[in-house]
Amino acid sequence: MKKIAFLSISFIVLGVLLFANRMYNKPHTNVEQSNAKEIISAEQLFDKFDKNEDSAMNQFSEQIIVVTGTLFAKDFSNELEPQMILKTDNESGFIRCGFKPSQLQNLEQLKDSSIIKVKGICKGINGDDELTLIEDKDVTLSSSIIIE
């Protein structure tokens, strides 16, 4: 009986270790070479999160999407992740796009109020209680690149 229990526990531990190893060594998602799951405007994306956050998280979370919007502001205060903010038609939030430092030169060339397309990994929505934001909430994209 002890032998069966020992073997069962050993297999469970081995399974957990294999799963942890696979997750730790998971390959990095290359946004530039990956296809976008959805193409959406900044207004539509924010509206979906604002109306039903759970449904939007199921649809967009950890997915590569293309967002078209009007550039509101650029933030270079974090040199490890320069950011830009896209306007929405809702005054209570924006789309916040984080970029890798290699994209800094492309970001610096953009002019406020220009229409751009950004491709990135949707991370969800942050409320003002979680971060110091311009407005109440921001939908965030990470590992973003400018495609137009």
Protein backbone atom coordinates (compact mmCIF):
# COMPACT_ATOMS: atom_id res chain seq x y z
CA MET A 1 0.00 0.00 0.00
CA LYS A 2 2.83 2.38 0.85
CA LYS A 3 4.50 1.58 -2.46
CA ILE A 4 1.36 2.55 -4.44
CA ALA A 5 0.99 5.82 -2.50
CA PHE A 6 4.70 6.61 -3.02
CA LEU A 7 4.45 5.92 -6.77
CA SER A 8 1.27 8.00 -7.09
CA ILE A 9 2.83 10.97 -5.30
CA SER A 10 6.01 10.60 -7.36
CA PHE A 11 4.05 10.71 -10.63
CA ILE A 12 2.09 13.76 -9.48
CA VAL A 13 5.28 15.60 -8.45
CA LEU A 14 6.95 14.63 -11.73
CA GLY A 15 3.94 15.92 -13.68
CA VAL A 16 3.96 19.23 -11.80
CA LEU A 17 7.71 19.64 -12.39
CA LEU A 18 7.37 18.91 -16.11
CA PHE A 19 4.52 21.41 -16.41
CA ALA A 20 6.48 24.08 -14.50
CA ASN A 21 9.54 23.49 -16.68
CA ARG A 22 7.49 23.78 -19.86
CA MET A 23 5.85 27.03 -18.71
CA TYR A 24 9.19 28.51 -17.60
CA ASN A 25 10.85 27.69 -20.92
CA LYS A 26 7.86 28.73 -23.03
CA PRO A 27 9.04 30.58 -26.15
CA HIS A 28 8.60 34.35 -26.30
CA THR A 29 5.71 35.58 -28.47
CA ASN A 30 7.05 37.51 -31.45
CA VAL A 31 4.38 40.14 -32.05
CA GLU A 32 5.91 41.31 -35.32
CA GLN A 33 5.78 37.85 -36.94
CA SER A 34 2.49 36.71 -35.39
CA ASN A 35 -0.93 37.21 -36.95
CA ALA A 36 -3.41 39.41 -35.13
CA LYS A 37 -6.50 37.69 -33.80
CA GLU A 38 -8.57 40.83 -34.27
CA ILE A 39 -8.38 44.30 -35.83
CA ILE A 40 -10.32 46.88 -33.84
CA SER A 41 -10.51 50.63 -33.22
CA ALA A 42 -9.41 52.12 -29.91
CA GLU A 43 -12.98 53.26 -29.27
CA GLN A 44 -14.46 49.80 -29.87
CA LEU A 45 -11.83 48.07 -27.71
CA PHE A 46 -12.32 50.40 -24.75
CA ASP A 47 -16.10 50.22 -25.13
CA LYS A 48 -16.04 46.40 -24.97
CA PHE A 49 -13.99 46.47 -21.75
CA ASP A 50 -16.07 49.28 -20.26
CA LYS A 51 -19.40 47.53 -20.90
CA ASN A 52 -18.44 43.96 -19.94
CA GLU A 53 -14.93 43.47 -18.60
CA ASP A 54 -15.26 39.70 -18.12
CA SER A 55 -16.45 39.09 -21.66
CA ALA A 56 -13.74 41.35 -23.09
CA MET A 57 -11.05 39.60 -21.02
CA ASN A 58 -12.20 36.24 -22.40
CA GLN A 59 -12.10 37.60 -25.94
CA PHE A 60 -8.88 39.67 -25.88
CA SER A 61 -6.67 38.73 -22.91
CA GLU A 62 -3.18 37.57 -23.98
CA GLN A 63 -4.24 37.81 -27.63
CA ILE A 64 -2.35 39.70 -30.32
CA ILE A 65 -4.58 42.46 -31.68
CA VAL A 66 -4.25 45.46 -33.99
CA VAL A 67 -5.69 48.70 -32.64
CA THR A 68 -6.28 51.82 -34.75
CA GLY A 69 -6.56 55.12 -32.95
CA THR A 70 -5.54 58.73 -32.50
CA LEU A 71 -2.31 59.37 -30.61
CA PHE A 72 -3.05 61.32 -27.43
CA ALA A 73 0.32 61.33 -25.66
CA LYS A 74 3.74 59.67 -25.43
CA ASP A 75 5.45 58.75 -22.17
CA PHE A 76 9.19 58.07 -22.16
CA SER A 77 9.66 58.23 -18.36
CA ASN A 78 10.18 54.45 -18.15
CA GLU A 79 13.11 53.77 -20.46
CA LEU A 80 12.54 50.00 -20.23
CA GLU A 81 9.00 50.34 -21.61
CA PRO A 82 8.24 53.58 -23.45
CA GLN A 83 4.50 54.09 -23.81
CA MET A 84 1.95 55.89 -25.88
CA ILE A 85 -1.69 56.55 -25.21
CA LEU A 86 -4.49 56.35 -27.77
CA LYS A 87 -7.68 58.39 -27.38
CA THR A 88 -11.09 56.82 -27.10
CA ASP A 89 -14.48 58.49 -27.43
CA ASN A 90 -15.05 57.76 -23.74
CA GLU A 91 -13.64 60.42 -21.41
CA SER A 92 -13.03 57.88 -18.63
CA GLY A 93 -10.21 55.94 -20.28
CA PHE A 94 -7.60 55.34 -22.94
CA ILE A 95 -5.64 52.58 -24.65
CA ARG A 96 -2.11 52.43 -23.19
CA CYS A 97 0.49 50.75 -25.42
CA GLY A 98 3.84 49.62 -24.01
CA PHE A 99 6.81 49.22 -26.36
CA LYS A 100 10.26 47.68 -26.15
CA PRO A 101 13.18 50.14 -25.96
CA SER A 102 14.12 49.26 -29.55
CA GLN A 103 10.91 51.00 -30.69
CA LEU A 104 11.81 54.32 -29.01
CA GLN A 105 13.08 55.97 -32.20
CA ASN A 106 9.83 55.13 -34.03
CA LEU A 107 7.78 56.55 -31.14
CA GLU A 108 9.72 59.80 -31.02
CA GLN A 109 8.85 60.51 -34.66
CA LEU A 110 5.08 60.30 -34.10
CA LYS A 111 3.08 63.50 -33.79
CA ASP A 112 0.20 63.94 -31.35
CA SER A 113 -3.27 63.58 -32.90
CA SER A 114 -1.97 61.41 -35.75
CA ILE A 115 -3.91 58.25 -36.66
CA ILE A 116 -1.81 55.12 -36.14
CA LYS A 117 -2.11 51.33 -36.06
CA VAL A 118 -0.51 49.43 -33.20
CA LYS A 119 -0.09 45.67 -32.88
CA GLY A 120 0.41 44.23 -29.41
CA ILE A 121 -0.60 41.72 -26.76
CA CYS A 122 -3.74 42.76 -24.91
CA LYS A 123 -3.22 42.52 -21.15
CA GLY A 124 -6.64 43.75 -20.03
CA ILE A 125 -7.89 46.82 -18.21
CA ASN A 126 -6.38 48.64 -15.24
CA GLY A 127 -8.43 50.76 -12.87
CA ASP A 128 -7.17 53.96 -11.25
CA ASP A 129 -6.88 52.23 -7.88
CA GLU A 130 -4.18 49.98 -9.37
CA LEU A 131 -2.07 52.61 -11.14
CA THR A 132 -1.69 56.34 -11.40
CA LEU A 133 -3.43 56.93 -14.70
CA ILE A 134 -4.52 59.91 -16.74
CA GLU A 135 -8.16 58.89 -16.34
CA ASP A 136 -10.18 56.20 -14.54
CA LYS A 137 -9.10 53.16 -16.57
CA ASP A 138 -6.77 52.11 -19.34
CA VAL A 139 -6.84 49.05 -21.59
CA THR A 140 -3.21 47.96 -21.90
CA LEU A 141 -1.22 46.41 -24.73
CA SER A 142 2.33 45.15 -24.23
CA SER A 143 5.19 44.31 -26.60
CA SER A 144 3.58 46.69 -29.06
CA ILE A 145 4.87 47.68 -32.48
CA ILE A 146 3.73 50.45 -34.82
CA ILE A 147 2.52 49.07 -38.12
CA GLU A 148 1.28 52.33 -39.73
